[in-house]
Amino acid sequence: QTGLSTMVFQDMDGDGSGNVYLSGKYDADSSSNLSMNAFARKLNSSGTVLFTKTYGTPAYDDARGIATISGSEVYVTGETQGSLAHTNRGGPENRDGYLRKFSSSGGTVWTR
C-alpha cells in the first residue's frame, strides 16, 4: 500500500545505501481515533516507496520509533490498545508497548 489517509510520521532512520525508513500511524477509519493503525515504510534514495507495512488491531495502535541496523534489520517500537503479540494492555490508558522486527524487504520477523 502506498496511499494511506491521514498519515502521521513519528520517526525516521536511514541506512548506508541511502534508503529512508519511516514509522507512524494512519487513520484506518476516519470516524474514530480508536481506528489508528501503525505503519513502517521504506523509500529508496530517489524517494520511491519500496514497501509500506501496515498493521494493527481494532483498537488504537502506533509506531513511535524506527531504527535499522546495516539496512538488513529494521526495528519498530510503539504502543497498542489491542493485542499485538505478547502485550497485556496493563499500561496507562490500557496501552502496552511493543517491539517489532522486520526484514529489509518488509517481512515481519517477530513482535514482542
C-alpha atoms as a PDB file:
ATOM      1  CA  GLN A   1       0.000   0.000   0.000  1.00  0.00           C
ATOM      2  CA  THR A   2       1.231   3.455  -0.754  1.00  0.00           C
ATOM      3  CA  GLY A   3      -1.870   5.617  -0.243  1.00  0.00           C
ATOM      4  CA  LEU A   4      -2.872   5.837   3.410  1.00  0.00           C
ATOM      5  CA  SER A   5      -5.202   8.570   4.609  1.00  0.00           C
ATOM      6  CA  THR A   6      -4.227  10.901   7.450  1.00  0.00           C
ATOM      7  CA  MET A   7      -0.685   9.643   7.966  1.00  0.00           C
ATOM      8  CA  VAL A   8       1.295  10.886  10.961  1.00  0.00           C
ATOM      9  CA  PHE A   9       5.038  10.279  10.736  1.00  0.00           C
ATOM     10  CA  GLN A  10       6.589   9.649  14.155  1.00  0.00           C
ATOM     11  CA  ASP A  11      10.211   8.745  13.393  1.00  0.00           C
ATOM     12  CA  MET A  12      12.734   8.118  10.634  1.00  0.00           C
ATOM     13  CA  ASP A  13      16.110   6.487  10.119  1.00  0.00           C
ATOM     14  CA  GLY A  14      18.431   5.820   7.202  1.00  0.00           C
ATOM     15  CA  ASP A  15      20.919   3.197   6.096  1.00  0.00           C
ATOM     16  CA  GLY A  16      24.280   3.321   4.305  1.00  0.00           C
ATOM     17  CA  SER A  17      22.606   2.728   0.930  1.00  0.00           C
ATOM     18  CA  GLY A  18      20.556   5.924   1.084  1.00  0.00           C
ATOM     19  CA  ASN A  19      17.276   4.224   1.970  1.00  0.00           C
ATOM     20  CA  VAL A  20      14.962   6.016   4.399  1.00  0.00           C
ATOM     21  CA  TYR A  21      12.723   4.245   6.918  1.00  0.00           C
ATOM     22  CA  LEU A  22       9.622   5.932   8.361  1.00  0.00           C
ATOM     23  CA  SER A  23       7.224   4.894  11.108  1.00  0.00           C
ATOM     24  CA  GLY A  24       3.965   6.294  12.370  1.00  0.00           C
ATOM     25  CA  LYS A  25       0.229   5.868  12.432  1.00  0.00           C
ATOM     26  CA  TYR A  26      -2.592   6.302   9.967  1.00  0.00           C
ATOM     27  CA  ASP A  27      -6.339   6.656  10.252  1.00  0.00           C
ATOM     28  CA  ALA A  28      -7.845   3.329   9.213  1.00  0.00           C
ATOM     29  CA  ASP A  29     -11.376   4.670   9.815  1.00  0.00           C
ATOM     30  CA  SER A  30     -11.894   8.432   9.910  1.00  0.00           C
ATOM     31  CA  SER A  31     -14.923   8.083  12.204  1.00  0.00           C
ATOM     32  CA  SER A  32     -12.911   7.084  15.295  1.00  0.00           C
ATOM     33  CA  ASN A  33      -9.499   7.834  16.859  1.00  0.00           C
ATOM     34  CA  LEU A  34      -9.503   4.224  18.081  1.00  0.00           C
ATOM     35  CA  SER A  35      -9.007   3.105  14.496  1.00  0.00           C
ATOM     36  CA  MET A  36      -5.434   4.405  14.237  1.00  0.00           C
ATOM     37  CA  ASN A  37      -3.102   1.673  12.992  1.00  0.00           C
ATOM     38  CA  ALA A  38       0.680   1.538  12.717  1.00  0.00           C
ATOM     39  CA  PHE A  39       2.888   1.535   9.641  1.00  0.00           C
ATOM     40  CA  ALA A  40       6.512   1.172   8.617  1.00  0.00           C
ATOM     41  CA  ARG A  41       7.661   2.480   5.231  1.00  0.00           C
ATOM     42  CA  LYS A  42      10.903   2.183   3.271  1.00  0.00           C
ATOM     43  CA  LEU A  43      11.907   4.562   0.473  1.00  0.00           C
ATOM     44  CA  ASN A  44      14.987   4.436  -1.718  1.00  0.00           C
ATOM     45  CA  SER A  45      17.335   7.381  -2.250  1.00  0.00           C
ATOM     46  CA  SER A  46      15.120   8.623  -5.113  1.00  0.00           C
ATOM     47  CA  GLY A  47      12.041   8.712  -2.867  1.00  0.00           C
ATOM     48  CA  THR A  48      10.380   5.669  -4.436  1.00  0.00           C
ATOM     49  CA  VAL A  49       8.361   3.671  -1.906  1.00  0.00           C
ATOM     50  CA  LEU A  50       9.867   0.187  -1.657  1.00  0.00           C
ATOM     51  CA  PHE A  51       7.364  -1.075   0.895  1.00  0.00           C
ATOM     52  CA  THR A  52       4.701   0.088   3.305  1.00  0.00           C
ATOM     53  CA  LYS A  53       3.745  -2.382   6.013  1.00  0.00           C
ATOM     54  CA  THR A  54       0.548  -1.642   7.900  1.00  0.00           C
ATOM     55  CA  TYR A  55      -0.558  -3.479  10.989  1.00  0.00           C
ATOM     56  CA  GLY A  56      -2.797  -3.078  13.962  1.00  0.00           C
ATOM     57  CA  THR A  57      -5.809  -4.198  15.892  1.00  0.00           C
ATOM     58  CA  PRO A  58      -9.382  -2.873  16.013  1.00  0.00           C
ATOM     59  CA  ALA A  59      -8.123  -0.555  18.797  1.00  0.00           C
ATOM     60  CA  TYR A  60      -5.502   2.241  18.759  1.00  0.00           C
ATOM     61  CA  ASP A  61      -2.017   1.287  17.505  1.00  0.00           C
ATOM     62  CA  ASP A  62       1.018   3.473  16.874  1.00  0.00           C
ATOM     63  CA  ALA A  63       4.596   3.038  15.615  1.00  0.00           C
ATOM     64  CA  ARG A  64       6.609   5.630  17.533  1.00  0.00           C
ATOM     65  CA  GLY A  65      10.186   4.751  16.658  1.00  0.00           C
ATOM     66  CA  ILE A  66      12.156   3.041  13.888  1.00  0.00           C
ATOM     67  CA  ALA A  67      15.803   2.002  13.591  1.00  0.00           C
ATOM     68  CA  THR A  68      17.779  -0.004  11.070  1.00  0.00           C
ATOM     69  CA  ILE A  69      20.960  -1.979  11.586  1.00  0.00           C
ATOM     70  CA  SER A  70      23.096  -2.107   8.433  1.00  0.00           C
ATOM     71  CA  GLY A  71      19.915  -1.912   6.346  1.00  0.00           C
ATOM     72  CA  SER A  72      19.261  -5.606   6.949  1.00  0.00           C
ATOM     73  CA  GLU A  73      17.284  -5.419  10.181  1.00  0.00           C
ATOM     74  CA  VAL A  74      14.506  -2.918  10.855  1.00  0.00           C
ATOM     75  CA  TYR A  75      13.067  -2.429  14.353  1.00  0.00           C
ATOM     76  CA  VAL A  76       9.858  -0.557  15.169  1.00  0.00           C
ATOM     77  CA  THR A  77       8.673   0.405  18.647  1.00  0.00           C
ATOM     78  CA  GLY A  78       5.207   1.578  19.512  1.00  0.00           C
ATOM     79  CA  GLU A  79       2.127   1.239  21.629  1.00  0.00           C
ATOM     80  CA  THR A  80      -1.155  -0.593  21.287  1.00  0.00           C
ATOM     81  CA  GLN A  81      -4.522  -0.767  23.000  1.00  0.00           C
ATOM     82  CA  GLY A  82      -5.155  -4.078  21.265  1.00  0.00           C
ATOM     83  CA  SER A  83      -3.356  -7.384  21.353  1.00  0.00           C
ATOM     84  CA  LEU A  84      -0.204  -7.319  19.265  1.00  0.00           C
ATOM     85  CA  ALA A  85       1.778 -10.440  20.199  1.00  0.00           C
ATOM     86  CA  HIS A  86       2.743 -10.670  23.876  1.00  0.00           C
ATOM     87  CA  THR A  87       1.003  -7.497  25.016  1.00  0.00           C
ATOM     88  CA  ASN A  88      -1.250  -7.497  28.061  1.00  0.00           C
ATOM     89  CA  ARG A  89      -2.527  -3.887  27.960  1.00  0.00           C
ATOM     90  CA  GLY A  90      -1.686  -3.208  31.588  1.00  0.00           C
ATOM     91  CA  GLY A  91      -0.117   0.182  30.966  1.00  0.00           C
ATOM     92  CA  PRO A  92      -1.615   3.663  31.297  1.00  0.00           C
ATOM     93  CA  GLU A  93      -4.821   4.186  29.298  1.00  0.00           C
ATOM     94  CA  ASN A  94      -4.923   0.417  28.772  1.00  0.00           C
ATOM     95  CA  ARG A  95      -1.911   0.632  26.413  1.00  0.00           C
ATOM     96  CA  ASP A  96       1.181  -1.529  26.112  1.00  0.00           C
ATOM     97  CA  GLY A  97       4.447  -1.129  24.283  1.00  0.00           C
ATOM     98  CA  TYR A  98       5.779  -3.486  21.638  1.00  0.00           C
ATOM     99  CA  LEU A  99       8.880  -4.086  19.546  1.00  0.00           C
ATOM    100  CA  ARG A 100       8.521  -5.464  16.004  1.00  0.00           C
ATOM    101  CA  LYS A 101      11.366  -6.666  13.800  1.00  0.00           C
ATOM    102  CA  PHE A 102      11.096  -6.505  10.005  1.00  0.00           C
ATOM    103  CA  SER A 103      13.429  -7.887   7.364  1.00  0.00           C
ATOM    104  CA  SER A 104      14.979  -5.463   4.873  1.00  0.00           C
ATOM    105  CA  SER A 105      12.231  -6.433   2.399  1.00  0.00           C
ATOM    106  CA  GLY A 106       9.439  -5.677   4.895  1.00  0.00           C
ATOM    107  CA  GLY A 107       8.566  -9.147   6.135  1.00  0.00           C
ATOM    108  CA  THR A 108       7.614  -9.380   9.803  1.00  0.00           C
ATOM    109  CA  VAL A 109      10.200 -11.453  11.673  1.00  0.00           C
ATOM    110  CA  TRP A 110       8.659 -11.183  15.160  1.00  0.00           C
ATOM    111  CA  THR A 111       6.705  -8.952  17.555  1.00  0.00           C
ATOM    112  CA  ARG A 112       7.374  -8.716  21.300  1.00  0.00           C
END
